[in-house]
Amino acid sequence: MMDAKQREFILLRDNGESYDAIAKKLKTSKATLIQWNKLFEEEIKELQFHSFIKIKEAHSWNQKKKYEMLLKQLDKIDEGILDADLSVATLKDLFTIKNSILSQVESMERNISVNANVIKKDMLGDDEMLQMKLNEA
């Protein structure tokens, strides 16, 4: 059975604290901490695993974040184009980047669709549910 000091040791090791720092905080010998590390190795590894999962989830690169980032870049490029000195050759680069980003955004939008909850009669008089794509919004 682990006591409160051992639980605190596990949390401190999960946070990456050194044995020296933990020994000072817990007023415990380094040799005891090394023993506890062996004794509670699985608990420490499990906590570290869950900590890394949380970090990974917080910084994951998913479609939504990529879409937001692309639109933010597009806004910055539009500002750069408006502020650009037309005699500067890099304007071409801005348009090239803009077209590339627009292409990526349009590609993403084409792949995202939802039922628009709009019913239309087809040529035979049957109801037809319309589907709307994000780029049509």
C-alpha atoms as a PDB file:
ATOM      1  CA  MET A   1       0.000   0.000   0.000  1.00  0.00           C
ATOM      2  CA  MET A   2       1.423   3.377  -0.954  1.00  0.00           C
ATOM      3  CA  ASP A   3       1.374   6.386   1.335  1.00  0.00           C
ATOM      4  CA  ALA A   4       0.886  10.080   0.517  1.00  0.00           C
ATOM      5  CA  LYS A   5       4.628  10.724   0.119  1.00  0.00           C
ATOM      6  CA  GLN A   6       4.921   7.875  -2.390  1.00  0.00           C
ATOM      7  CA  ARG A   7       1.914   9.188  -4.370  1.00  0.00           C
ATOM      8  CA  GLU A   8       3.565  12.597  -4.489  1.00  0.00           C
ATOM      9  CA  PHE A   9       6.806  10.936  -5.637  1.00  0.00           C
ATOM     10  CA  ILE A  10       4.933   9.260  -8.514  1.00  0.00           C
ATOM     11  CA  LEU A  11       3.391  12.592  -9.582  1.00  0.00           C
ATOM     12  CA  LEU A  12       6.743  14.364  -9.406  1.00  0.00           C
ATOM     13  CA  ARG A  13       8.410  11.645 -11.497  1.00  0.00           C
ATOM     14  CA  ASP A  14       5.537  11.906 -13.979  1.00  0.00           C
ATOM     15  CA  ASN A  15       6.358  15.611 -14.284  1.00  0.00           C
ATOM     16  CA  GLY A  16       9.995  14.759 -15.055  1.00  0.00           C
ATOM     17  CA  GLU A  17      11.459  15.939 -11.744  1.00  0.00           C
ATOM     18  CA  SER A  18      14.968  14.688 -10.950  1.00  0.00           C
ATOM     19  CA  TYR A  19      15.743  12.492  -7.953  1.00  0.00           C
ATOM     20  CA  ASP A  20      17.715  15.357  -6.393  1.00  0.00           C
ATOM     21  CA  ALA A  21      14.805  17.795  -6.683  1.00  0.00           C
ATOM     22  CA  ILE A  22      12.324  15.221  -5.355  1.00  0.00           C
ATOM     23  CA  ALA A  23      14.636  14.287  -2.459  1.00  0.00           C
ATOM     24  CA  LYS A  24      14.703  17.940  -1.371  1.00  0.00           C
ATOM     25  CA  LYS A  25      10.929  18.388  -1.714  1.00  0.00           C
ATOM     26  CA  LEU A  26       9.998  15.169   0.080  1.00  0.00           C
ATOM     27  CA  LYS A  27      12.952  15.198   2.499  1.00  0.00           C
ATOM     28  CA  THR A  28      13.711  11.617   1.508  1.00  0.00           C
ATOM     29  CA  SER A  29      16.989   9.971   0.548  1.00  0.00           C
ATOM     30  CA  LYS A  30      17.854   9.492  -3.091  1.00  0.00           C
ATOM     31  CA  ALA A  31      18.369   5.752  -2.450  1.00  0.00           C
ATOM     32  CA  THR A  32      14.775   5.455  -1.189  1.00  0.00           C
ATOM     33  CA  LEU A  33      13.509   7.299  -4.243  1.00  0.00           C
ATOM     34  CA  ILE A  34      15.361   4.916  -6.546  1.00  0.00           C
ATOM     35  CA  GLN A  35      13.705   1.983  -4.741  1.00  0.00           C
ATOM     36  CA  TRP A  36      10.299   3.631  -5.070  1.00  0.00           C
ATOM     37  CA  ASN A  37      10.952   4.211  -8.754  1.00  0.00           C
ATOM     38  CA  LYS A  38      11.478   0.456  -9.237  1.00  0.00           C
ATOM     39  CA  LEU A  39       8.491  -0.377  -7.028  1.00  0.00           C
ATOM     40  CA  PHE A  40       6.110   2.047  -8.784  1.00  0.00           C
ATOM     41  CA  GLU A  41       7.580   1.866 -12.295  1.00  0.00           C
ATOM     42  CA  GLU A  42       4.303   0.771 -13.918  1.00  0.00           C
ATOM     43  CA  GLU A  43       2.267   3.507 -12.212  1.00  0.00           C
ATOM     44  CA  ILE A  44       4.790   6.151 -13.310  1.00  0.00           C
ATOM     45  CA  LYS A  45       4.827   4.862 -16.904  1.00  0.00           C
ATOM     46  CA  GLU A  46       1.029   4.816 -17.039  1.00  0.00           C
ATOM     47  CA  LEU A  47       0.792   8.403 -15.771  1.00  0.00           C
ATOM     48  CA  GLN A  48       3.451   9.517 -18.255  1.00  0.00           C
ATOM     49  CA  PHE A  49       1.585   7.764 -21.065  1.00  0.00           C
ATOM     50  CA  HIS A  50      -1.673   9.536 -20.199  1.00  0.00           C
ATOM     51  CA  SER A  51       0.156  12.865 -19.867  1.00  0.00           C
ATOM     52  CA  PHE A  52       1.649  12.468 -23.325  1.00  0.00           C
ATOM     53  CA  ILE A  53      -1.750  11.492 -24.768  1.00  0.00           C
ATOM     54  CA  LYS A  54      -3.230  14.736 -23.386  1.00  0.00           C
ATOM     55  CA  ILE A  55      -0.381  16.762 -24.874  1.00  0.00           C
ATOM     56  CA  LYS A  56      -0.730  15.003 -28.214  1.00  0.00           C
ATOM     57  CA  GLU A  57      -4.498  15.612 -28.273  1.00  0.00           C
ATOM     58  CA  ALA A  58      -3.988  19.284 -27.447  1.00  0.00           C
ATOM     59  CA  HIS A  59      -1.530  19.704 -30.298  1.00  0.00           C
ATOM     60  CA  SER A  60      -2.842  17.220 -32.794  1.00  0.00           C
ATOM     61  CA  TRP A  61      -2.962  18.120 -36.453  1.00  0.00           C
ATOM     62  CA  ASN A  62      -6.523  17.388 -37.479  1.00  0.00           C
ATOM     63  CA  GLN A  63      -8.644  18.493 -40.421  1.00  0.00           C
ATOM     64  CA  LYS A  64     -10.355  21.260 -38.461  1.00  0.00           C
ATOM     65  CA  LYS A  65      -7.076  22.805 -37.300  1.00  0.00           C
ATOM     66  CA  LYS A  66      -5.566  22.484 -40.762  1.00  0.00           C
ATOM     67  CA  TYR A  67      -8.622  24.180 -42.306  1.00  0.00           C
ATOM     68  CA  GLU A  68      -8.468  27.036 -39.775  1.00  0.00           C
ATOM     69  CA  MET A  69      -4.726  27.467 -40.348  1.00  0.00           C
ATOM     70  CA  LEU A  70      -5.145  27.576 -44.121  1.00  0.00           C
ATOM     71  CA  LEU A  71      -7.862  30.224 -43.869  1.00  0.00           C
ATOM     72  CA  LYS A  72      -5.723  32.318 -41.497  1.00  0.00           C
ATOM     73  CA  GLN A  73      -2.791  32.079 -43.911  1.00  0.00           C
ATOM     74  CA  LEU A  74      -5.072  33.113 -46.740  1.00  0.00           C
ATOM     75  CA  ASP A  75      -6.169  36.204 -44.768  1.00  0.00           C
ATOM     76  CA  LYS A  76      -2.533  37.169 -44.124  1.00  0.00           C
ATOM     77  CA  ILE A  77      -1.634  36.696 -47.774  1.00  0.00           C
ATOM     78  CA  ASP A  78      -4.600  38.837 -48.847  1.00  0.00           C
ATOM     79  CA  GLU A  79      -3.371  41.575 -46.481  1.00  0.00           C
ATOM     80  CA  GLY A  80       0.140  41.228 -47.918  1.00  0.00           C
ATOM     81  CA  ILE A  81      -1.163  41.484 -51.458  1.00  0.00           C
ATOM     82  CA  LEU A  82      -3.145  44.628 -50.643  1.00  0.00           C
ATOM     83  CA  ASP A  83      -0.139  46.209 -48.902  1.00  0.00           C
ATOM     84  CA  ALA A  84       2.406  45.087 -51.519  1.00  0.00           C
ATOM     85  CA  ASP A  85       4.361  47.457 -53.655  1.00  0.00           C
ATOM     86  CA  LEU A  86       3.365  46.333 -57.134  1.00  0.00           C
ATOM     87  CA  SER A  87       6.905  46.913 -58.407  1.00  0.00           C
ATOM     88  CA  VAL A  88       8.214  44.213 -56.070  1.00  0.00           C
ATOM     89  CA  ALA A  89       8.697  40.825 -57.735  1.00  0.00           C
ATOM     90  CA  THR A  90       7.520  38.807 -54.712  1.00  0.00           C
ATOM     91  CA  LEU A  91       3.928  39.721 -55.476  1.00  0.00           C
ATOM     92  CA  LYS A  92       3.935  36.826 -57.931  1.00  0.00           C
ATOM     93  CA  ASP A  93       4.950  34.550 -55.077  1.00  0.00           C
ATOM     94  CA  LEU A  94       2.047  35.810 -52.967  1.00  0.00           C
ATOM     95  CA  PHE A  95      -0.425  35.015 -55.736  1.00  0.00           C
ATOM     96  CA  THR A  96       1.153  31.582 -56.245  1.00  0.00           C
ATOM     97  CA  ILE A  97       0.830  30.803 -52.533  1.00  0.00           C
ATOM     98  CA  LYS A  98      -2.709  32.197 -52.454  1.00  0.00           C
ATOM     99  CA  ASN A  99      -3.770  30.008 -55.372  1.00  0.00           C
ATOM    100  CA  SER A 100      -2.234  26.968 -53.741  1.00  0.00           C
ATOM    101  CA  ILE A 101      -4.037  27.639 -50.453  1.00  0.00           C
ATOM    102  CA  LEU A 102      -7.312  28.373 -52.254  1.00  0.00           C
ATOM    103  CA  SER A 103      -6.961  25.060 -54.038  1.00  0.00           C
ATOM    104  CA  GLN A 104      -6.407  23.230 -50.736  1.00  0.00           C
ATOM    105  CA  VAL A 105      -9.357  24.989 -49.073  1.00  0.00           C
ATOM    106  CA  GLU A 106     -11.639  24.243 -52.036  1.00  0.00           C
ATOM    107  CA  SER A 107     -10.548  20.610 -52.015  1.00  0.00           C
ATOM    108  CA  MET A 108     -11.370  20.320 -48.309  1.00  0.00           C
ATOM    109  CA  GLU A 109     -14.720  22.076 -48.773  1.00  0.00           C
ATOM    110  CA  ARG A 110     -15.709  19.773 -51.650  1.00  0.00           C
ATOM    111  CA  ASN A 111     -15.256  16.788 -49.345  1.00  0.00           C
ATOM    112  CA  ILE A 112     -17.427  18.139 -46.536  1.00  0.00           C
ATOM    113  CA  SER A 113     -21.140  17.926 -47.152  1.00  0.00           C
ATOM    114  CA  VAL A 114     -24.322  17.808 -45.123  1.00  0.00           C
ATOM    115  CA  ASN A 115     -27.972  17.206 -45.844  1.00  0.00           C
ATOM    116  CA  ALA A 116     -29.425  20.670 -46.328  1.00  0.00           C
ATOM    117  CA  ASN A 117     -32.882  19.617 -45.095  1.00  0.00           C
ATOM    118  CA  VAL A 118     -34.326  21.027 -48.289  1.00  0.00           C
ATOM    119  CA  ILE A 119     -36.735  18.843 -50.204  1.00  0.00           C
ATOM    120  CA  LYS A 120     -37.279  19.497 -53.874  1.00  0.00           C
ATOM    121  CA  LYS A 121     -39.616  17.742 -56.298  1.00  0.00           C
ATOM    122  CA  ASP A 122     -37.817  16.000 -59.116  1.00  0.00           C
ATOM    123  CA  MET A 123     -39.152  15.782 -62.699  1.00  0.00           C
ATOM    124  CA  LEU A 124     -41.390  12.829 -61.775  1.00  0.00           C
ATOM    125  CA  GLY A 125     -42.894  14.644 -58.801  1.00  0.00           C
ATOM    126  CA  ASP A 126     -40.988  12.581 -56.226  1.00  0.00           C
ATOM    127  CA  ASP A 127     -39.376  14.222 -53.227  1.00  0.00           C
ATOM    128  CA  GLU A 128     -35.618  14.660 -53.490  1.00  0.00           C
ATOM    129  CA  MET A 129     -33.423  15.541 -50.469  1.00  0.00           C
ATOM    130  CA  LEU A 130     -30.782  18.085 -51.440  1.00  0.00           C
ATOM    131  CA  GLN A 131     -27.237  17.789 -50.192  1.00  0.00           C
ATOM    132  CA  MET A 132     -25.153  20.896 -49.623  1.00  0.00           C
ATOM    133  CA  LYS A 133     -21.365  21.075 -49.750  1.00  0.00           C
ATOM    134  CA  LEU A 134     -19.354  23.461 -47.590  1.00  0.00           C
ATOM    135  CA  ASN A 135     -18.093  25.376 -50.635  1.00  0.00           C
ATOM    136  CA  GLU A 136     -21.728  26.106 -51.578  1.00  0.00           C
ATOM    137  CA  ALA A 137     -22.417  27.848 -48.244  1.00  0.00           C
END
